[in-house]
Amino acid sequence: QVQLVESGGGLVQAGGSLTVSCAASGRSFSSYGLGWFRQAPGKEREFVGFINWSGGTTYYTDSVKGRFTISRDNALNTMYLQMNSLKPEDTAVYYCAARTQFGEVEVISNYDYWGQGTQVTVSS
């Protein structure tokens, strides 16, 4: 089992940058695939990106490609989401998630563990 805690959210102006982190406790962090999701007010939770166990493979939803970068440091049990060129529509609560399952990385039910989320607000 793994516990996930996000941090680093905040208020940033449009065009700015922000990095949020996901710290994990528990065993076998390096064996988990990790994802970032976000949920804006009144909207469903949506997939942002994914990184595999080694960090060698990443996937992103189209709306963040070229602006967001996911990385992980297995020695520190931490995953990062670096967000550049932020837009007001990026405003949401950002969640990290971990999985041992296979299947489509965009599907919420394919993740076993979730953090509590961190708020990111982008002002125009």
C-alpha atoms as a PDB file:
ATOM      1  CA  GLN A   1       0.000   0.000   0.000  1.00  0.00           C
ATOM      2  CA  VAL A   2       1.142   3.557  -0.632  1.00  0.00           C
ATOM      3  CA  GLN A   3       0.038   6.928   0.699  1.00  0.00           C
ATOM      4  CA  LEU A   4       0.267   9.973  -1.572  1.00  0.00           C
ATOM      5  CA  VAL A   5       0.500  13.621  -0.571  1.00  0.00           C
ATOM      6  CA  GLU A   6       0.485  16.472  -3.083  1.00  0.00           C
ATOM      7  CA  SER A   7       2.061  19.848  -2.413  1.00  0.00           C
ATOM      8  CA  GLY A   8       3.175  22.979  -4.199  1.00  0.00           C
ATOM      9  CA  GLY A   9      -0.126  24.290  -5.468  1.00  0.00           C
ATOM     10  CA  GLY A  10      -0.926  27.970  -5.389  1.00  0.00           C
ATOM     11  CA  LEU A  11      -1.913  31.071  -7.306  1.00  0.00           C
ATOM     12  CA  VAL A  12      -0.009  32.015 -10.457  1.00  0.00           C
ATOM     13  CA  GLN A  13      -0.603  34.466 -13.282  1.00  0.00           C
ATOM     14  CA  ALA A  14      -1.364  33.294 -16.779  1.00  0.00           C
ATOM     15  CA  GLY A  15       1.838  32.522 -18.635  1.00  0.00           C
ATOM     16  CA  GLY A  16       3.629  31.643 -15.433  1.00  0.00           C
ATOM     17  CA  SER A  17       5.038  28.399 -14.127  1.00  0.00           C
ATOM     18  CA  LEU A  18       4.442  26.168 -11.148  1.00  0.00           C
ATOM     19  CA  THR A  19       5.701  22.774 -10.019  1.00  0.00           C
ATOM     20  CA  VAL A  20       3.602  20.490  -7.868  1.00  0.00           C
ATOM     21  CA  SER A  21       4.952  17.439  -6.113  1.00  0.00           C
ATOM     22  CA  CYS A  22       3.561  14.101  -5.025  1.00  0.00           C
ATOM     23  CA  ALA A  23       5.351  12.449  -2.124  1.00  0.00           C
ATOM     24  CA  ALA A  24       4.730   8.797  -1.423  1.00  0.00           C
ATOM     25  CA  SER A  25       5.139   6.722   1.680  1.00  0.00           C
ATOM     26  CA  GLY A  26       4.981   2.991   1.817  1.00  0.00           C
ATOM     27  CA  ARG A  27       6.798   0.242   0.081  1.00  0.00           C
ATOM     28  CA  SER A  28       7.708  -0.392  -3.518  1.00  0.00           C
ATOM     29  CA  PHE A  29       7.204   3.137  -4.834  1.00  0.00           C
ATOM     30  CA  SER A  30       9.337   2.337  -7.853  1.00  0.00           C
ATOM     31  CA  SER A  31       6.982  -0.448  -8.884  1.00  0.00           C
ATOM     32  CA  TYR A  32       4.014   1.889  -9.376  1.00  0.00           C
ATOM     33  CA  GLY A  33       2.923   3.678 -12.480  1.00  0.00           C
ATOM     34  CA  LEU A  34       1.929   7.221 -11.525  1.00  0.00           C
ATOM     35  CA  GLY A  35      -0.590   9.611 -12.944  1.00  0.00           C
ATOM     36  CA  TRP A  36      -1.699  13.205 -12.578  1.00  0.00           C
ATOM     37  CA  PHE A  37      -5.360  14.119 -12.828  1.00  0.00           C
ATOM     38  CA  ARG A  38      -7.206  17.379 -12.282  1.00  0.00           C
ATOM     39  CA  GLN A  39     -10.712  18.462 -11.455  1.00  0.00           C
ATOM     40  CA  ALA A  40     -12.087  21.916 -12.112  1.00  0.00           C
ATOM     41  CA  PRO A  41     -15.179  23.219 -10.313  1.00  0.00           C
ATOM     42  CA  GLY A  42     -18.311  21.664 -11.737  1.00  0.00           C
ATOM     43  CA  LYS A  43     -16.376  19.333 -13.998  1.00  0.00           C
ATOM     44  CA  GLU A  44     -15.362  15.701 -13.918  1.00  0.00           C
ATOM     45  CA  ARG A  45     -11.887  14.623 -12.948  1.00  0.00           C
ATOM     46  CA  GLU A  46      -9.707  14.385 -16.042  1.00  0.00           C
ATOM     47  CA  PHE A  47      -6.409  12.802 -16.985  1.00  0.00           C
ATOM     48  CA  VAL A  48      -3.374  15.074 -17.255  1.00  0.00           C
ATOM     49  CA  GLY A  49      -0.425  12.729 -17.670  1.00  0.00           C
ATOM     50  CA  PHE A  50       1.303   9.499 -16.707  1.00  0.00           C
ATOM     51  CA  ILE A  51       4.804   8.262 -15.998  1.00  0.00           C
ATOM     52  CA  ASN A  52       5.833   4.627 -15.887  1.00  0.00           C
ATOM     53  CA  TRP A  53       7.748   2.949 -13.060  1.00  0.00           C
ATOM     54  CA  SER A  54      11.199   3.848 -14.369  1.00  0.00           C
ATOM     55  CA  GLY A  55      10.380   7.318 -15.613  1.00  0.00           C
ATOM     56  CA  GLY A  56      11.332   6.304 -19.105  1.00  0.00           C
ATOM     57  CA  THR A  57       7.861   6.661 -20.584  1.00  0.00           C
ATOM     58  CA  THR A  58       5.397   9.507 -20.250  1.00  0.00           C
ATOM     59  CA  TYR A  59       2.008  10.308 -21.735  1.00  0.00           C
ATOM     60  CA  TYR A  60       0.094  13.591 -21.710  1.00  0.00           C
ATOM     61  CA  THR A  61      -3.353  14.740 -22.602  1.00  0.00           C
ATOM     62  CA  ASP A  62      -3.328  16.928 -25.703  1.00  0.00           C
ATOM     63  CA  SER A  63      -4.208  20.138 -23.894  1.00  0.00           C
ATOM     64  CA  VAL A  64      -0.983  20.094 -21.835  1.00  0.00           C
ATOM     65  CA  LYS A  65       1.502  18.626 -24.315  1.00  0.00           C
ATOM     66  CA  GLY A  66       4.516  20.862 -24.701  1.00  0.00           C
ATOM     67  CA  ARG A  67       3.639  22.812 -21.544  1.00  0.00           C
ATOM     68  CA  PHE A  68       3.639  20.213 -18.737  1.00  0.00           C
ATOM     69  CA  THR A  69       6.379  17.751 -17.828  1.00  0.00           C
ATOM     70  CA  ILE A  70       6.106  14.803 -15.464  1.00  0.00           C
ATOM     71  CA  SER A  71       9.164  13.357 -13.763  1.00  0.00           C
ATOM     72  CA  ARG A  72       9.886  11.122 -10.806  1.00  0.00           C
ATOM     73  CA  ASP A  73      12.721  10.447  -8.401  1.00  0.00           C
ATOM     74  CA  ASN A  74      12.385   6.923  -7.083  1.00  0.00           C
ATOM     75  CA  ALA A  75      15.163   7.486  -4.551  1.00  0.00           C
ATOM     76  CA  LEU A  76      13.071  10.254  -2.989  1.00  0.00           C
ATOM     77  CA  ASN A  77       9.698   8.549  -3.530  1.00  0.00           C
ATOM     78  CA  THR A  78       8.474  11.683  -5.267  1.00  0.00           C
ATOM     79  CA  MET A  79       6.815  12.591  -8.539  1.00  0.00           C
ATOM     80  CA  TYR A  80       6.716  16.079 -10.018  1.00  0.00           C
ATOM     81  CA  LEU A  81       4.487  17.966 -12.411  1.00  0.00           C
ATOM     82  CA  GLN A  82       6.195  20.984 -13.909  1.00  0.00           C
ATOM     83  CA  MET A  83       3.669  23.325 -15.495  1.00  0.00           C
ATOM     84  CA  ASN A  84       4.732  26.104 -17.844  1.00  0.00           C
ATOM     85  CA  SER A  85       2.779  28.634 -19.887  1.00  0.00           C
ATOM     86  CA  LEU A  86      -0.160  28.210 -17.562  1.00  0.00           C
ATOM     87  CA  LYS A  87      -3.617  29.225 -18.696  1.00  0.00           C
ATOM     88  CA  PRO A  88      -6.725  30.098 -16.686  1.00  0.00           C
ATOM     89  CA  GLU A  89      -8.302  26.871 -17.931  1.00  0.00           C
ATOM     90  CA  ASP A  90      -5.584  24.941 -16.076  1.00  0.00           C
ATOM     91  CA  THR A  91      -7.201  26.027 -12.818  1.00  0.00           C
ATOM     92  CA  ALA A  92      -8.187  22.890 -10.896  1.00  0.00           C
ATOM     93  CA  VAL A  93      -7.407  20.649  -7.985  1.00  0.00           C
ATOM     94  CA  TYR A  94      -4.531  18.448  -9.079  1.00  0.00           C
ATOM     95  CA  TYR A  95      -4.391  14.855  -7.857  1.00  0.00           C
ATOM     96  CA  CYS A  96      -1.668  12.265  -8.093  1.00  0.00           C
ATOM     97  CA  ALA A  97      -2.494   8.599  -8.332  1.00  0.00           C
ATOM     98  CA  ALA A  98      -0.613   5.320  -8.277  1.00  0.00           C
ATOM     99  CA  ARG A  99      -1.401   2.030  -9.904  1.00  0.00           C
ATOM    100  CA  THR A 100      -0.155  -1.509 -10.220  1.00  0.00           C
ATOM    101  CA  GLN A 101      -2.794  -2.391 -12.790  1.00  0.00           C
ATOM    102  CA  PHE A 102      -2.476  -2.390 -16.526  1.00  0.00           C
ATOM    103  CA  GLY A 103      -4.940  -0.827 -18.908  1.00  0.00           C
ATOM    104  CA  GLU A 104      -5.451   2.611 -20.278  1.00  0.00           C
ATOM    105  CA  VAL A 105      -3.588   5.233 -18.281  1.00  0.00           C
ATOM    106  CA  GLU A 106      -6.379   7.785 -18.777  1.00  0.00           C
ATOM    107  CA  VAL A 107      -8.943   5.673 -16.924  1.00  0.00           C
ATOM    108  CA  ILE A 108      -9.506   6.658 -13.303  1.00  0.00           C
ATOM    109  CA  SER A 109     -10.579   3.197 -12.203  1.00  0.00           C
ATOM    110  CA  ASN A 110      -7.200   1.795 -13.288  1.00  0.00           C
ATOM    111  CA  TYR A 111      -5.552   3.545 -10.322  1.00  0.00           C
ATOM    112  CA  ASP A 112      -5.367   2.042  -6.858  1.00  0.00           C
ATOM    113  CA  TYR A 113      -4.291   4.962  -4.656  1.00  0.00           C
ATOM    114  CA  TRP A 114      -5.008   8.680  -4.658  1.00  0.00           C
ATOM    115  CA  GLY A 115      -3.741  11.766  -2.910  1.00  0.00           C
ATOM    116  CA  GLN A 116      -5.930  14.449  -1.402  1.00  0.00           C
ATOM    117  CA  GLY A 117      -5.189  17.018  -4.101  1.00  0.00           C
ATOM    118  CA  THR A 118      -3.595  20.442  -4.289  1.00  0.00           C
ATOM    119  CA  GLN A 119      -5.267  23.578  -5.651  1.00  0.00           C
ATOM    120  CA  VAL A 120      -3.750  25.342  -8.643  1.00  0.00           C
ATOM    121  CA  THR A 121      -5.301  28.660  -9.613  1.00  0.00           C
ATOM    122  CA  VAL A 122      -4.247  30.570 -12.714  1.00  0.00           C
ATOM    123  CA  SER A 123      -5.364  34.189 -12.890  1.00  0.00           C
ATOM    124  CA  SER A 124      -5.911  35.989 -16.166  1.00  0.00           C
END
